[in-house]
Structure formats: C-alpha cells, structure tokens
Amino acid sequence: MSASLREYLDGYAAGQFSREEMLAALASWPFEEEEFDPAHTFPVDQDNTASVLHAALLLDRISDDDYAEIFRRRNLRKKSH
C-alpha cells in the first residue's frame, strides 16, 4: 500500500488496481485527523484524510457507489474491533 492516499487514488484512476482492491485498501486506510487552524484560510496539502477521499468523489475519480461502499466497510471494521 502506498503511503499517500492521493498517490493510491491516482494509481486506481490509472488502472493499477481493481475496484475490489481499491475498496479493500481504502476501507482499511489509516486516515489522519485533519489539522484545522481558523487563521489559515487556504486549504492545506494534508494527505491521508477523509477530505482527500471526498475530493476524489467530487472529481469523479471514484463513484458514489465506491464512496458509500468504502465507508460501509469502514463502519463494519469499527464494529468488529
């Protein structure tokens, strides 16, 4: 697995991973807490956050179904731990 969520999503968009591989990887991806500074009005380039995944949805790099399935699996993992 790549250390960068953006890089992984780029690889998926380029066809390096199957949909099932992508779903499994992102369902277990270790998202970081997002840094928030109200004095900083510009977006930060923080990687490995849920916002990066959400941006991939908005940019049509993943589908609505992919996004829903990733979070469905993440929730199942939380319940089983």
Protein backbone atom coordinates (compact mmCIF):
# COMPACT_ATOMS: atom_id res chain seq x y z
CA MET A 1 0.00 0.00 0.00
CA SER A 2 1.21 3.47 -0.83
CA ALA A 3 1.95 5.88 2.00
CA SER A 4 -0.05 8.55 0.20
CA LEU A 5 -3.79 8.38 -0.29
CA ARG A 6 -3.54 10.77 -3.24
CA GLU A 7 -0.93 8.56 -4.91
CA TYR A 8 -3.05 5.47 -4.34
CA LEU A 9 -6.11 7.16 -5.84
CA ASP A 10 -4.00 8.26 -8.82
CA GLY A 11 -2.91 4.64 -9.27
CA TYR A 12 -6.51 3.46 -9.14
CA ALA A 13 -7.55 6.07 -11.70
CA ALA A 14 -4.69 4.88 -13.94
CA GLY A 15 -5.96 1.28 -13.74
CA GLN A 16 -3.20 -0.09 -11.49
CA PHE A 17 -5.71 -1.60 -9.06
CA SER A 18 -9.02 -3.34 -9.48
CA ARG A 19 -12.12 -1.88 -7.89
CA GLU A 20 -12.16 -4.62 -5.25
CA GLU A 21 -8.50 -3.98 -4.38
CA MET A 22 -9.21 -0.28 -4.05
CA LEU A 23 -12.29 -0.83 -1.87
CA ALA A 24 -10.41 -3.18 0.46
CA ALA A 25 -7.41 -0.86 0.71
CA LEU A 26 -9.40 2.29 1.39
CA ALA A 27 -11.73 0.57 3.84
CA SER A 28 -8.67 -0.12 5.99
CA TRP A 29 -6.71 3.05 5.15
CA PRO A 30 -5.35 4.77 8.28
CA PHE A 31 -6.93 8.21 7.88
CA GLU A 32 -5.22 11.00 9.78
CA GLU A 33 -7.01 13.62 11.81
CA GLU A 34 -7.34 16.81 9.82
CA GLU A 35 -5.43 19.81 11.03
CA PHE A 36 -7.62 22.85 11.48
CA ASP A 37 -6.43 26.38 12.03
CA PRO A 38 -9.13 29.07 11.78
CA ALA A 39 -6.44 31.64 10.99
CA HIS A 40 -5.34 29.60 7.96
CA THR A 41 -7.94 30.23 5.27
CA PHE A 42 -6.26 28.37 2.40
CA PRO A 43 -6.52 24.61 2.01
CA VAL A 44 -3.63 22.63 3.42
CA ASP A 45 -1.98 19.91 1.39
CA GLN A 46 -2.52 17.34 4.10
CA ASP A 47 -2.77 13.83 2.70
CA ASN A 48 -4.38 10.68 4.08
CA THR A 49 -7.57 12.33 5.28
CA ALA A 50 -11.22 11.69 4.58
CA SER A 51 -11.28 15.03 2.74
CA VAL A 52 -8.87 13.64 0.13
CA LEU A 53 -11.27 10.75 -0.44
CA HIS A 54 -14.21 13.14 -0.64
CA ALA A 55 -12.32 15.25 -3.21
CA ALA A 56 -11.78 12.11 -5.30
CA LEU A 57 -15.54 11.62 -5.30
CA LEU A 58 -16.19 15.21 -6.35
CA LEU A 59 -13.59 14.92 -9.13
CA ASP A 60 -15.16 11.66 -10.41
CA ARG A 61 -12.05 9.61 -9.61
CA ILE A 62 -14.28 7.25 -7.61
CA SER A 63 -18.01 6.72 -7.96
CA ASP A 64 -20.80 7.44 -5.49
CA ASP A 65 -21.14 3.68 -5.05
CA ASP A 66 -17.40 3.33 -4.36
CA TYR A 67 -17.53 6.08 -1.73
CA ALA A 68 -20.55 4.54 0.00
CA GLU A 69 -19.00 1.06 -0.06
CA ILE A 70 -15.70 2.29 1.40
CA PHE A 71 -17.47 3.85 4.38
CA ARG A 72 -19.83 0.89 4.77
CA ARG A 73 -16.78 -1.37 5.09
CA ARG A 74 -15.01 1.09 7.41
CA ASN A 75 -18.04 1.08 9.70
CA LEU A 76 -18.14 -2.72 9.69
CA ARG A 77 -14.46 -2.80 10.68
CA LYS A 78 -15.11 -0.41 13.57
CA LYS A 79 -17.98 -2.56 14.84
CA SER A 80 -15.88 -5.73 14.71
CA HIS A 81 -13.00 -4.22 16.72
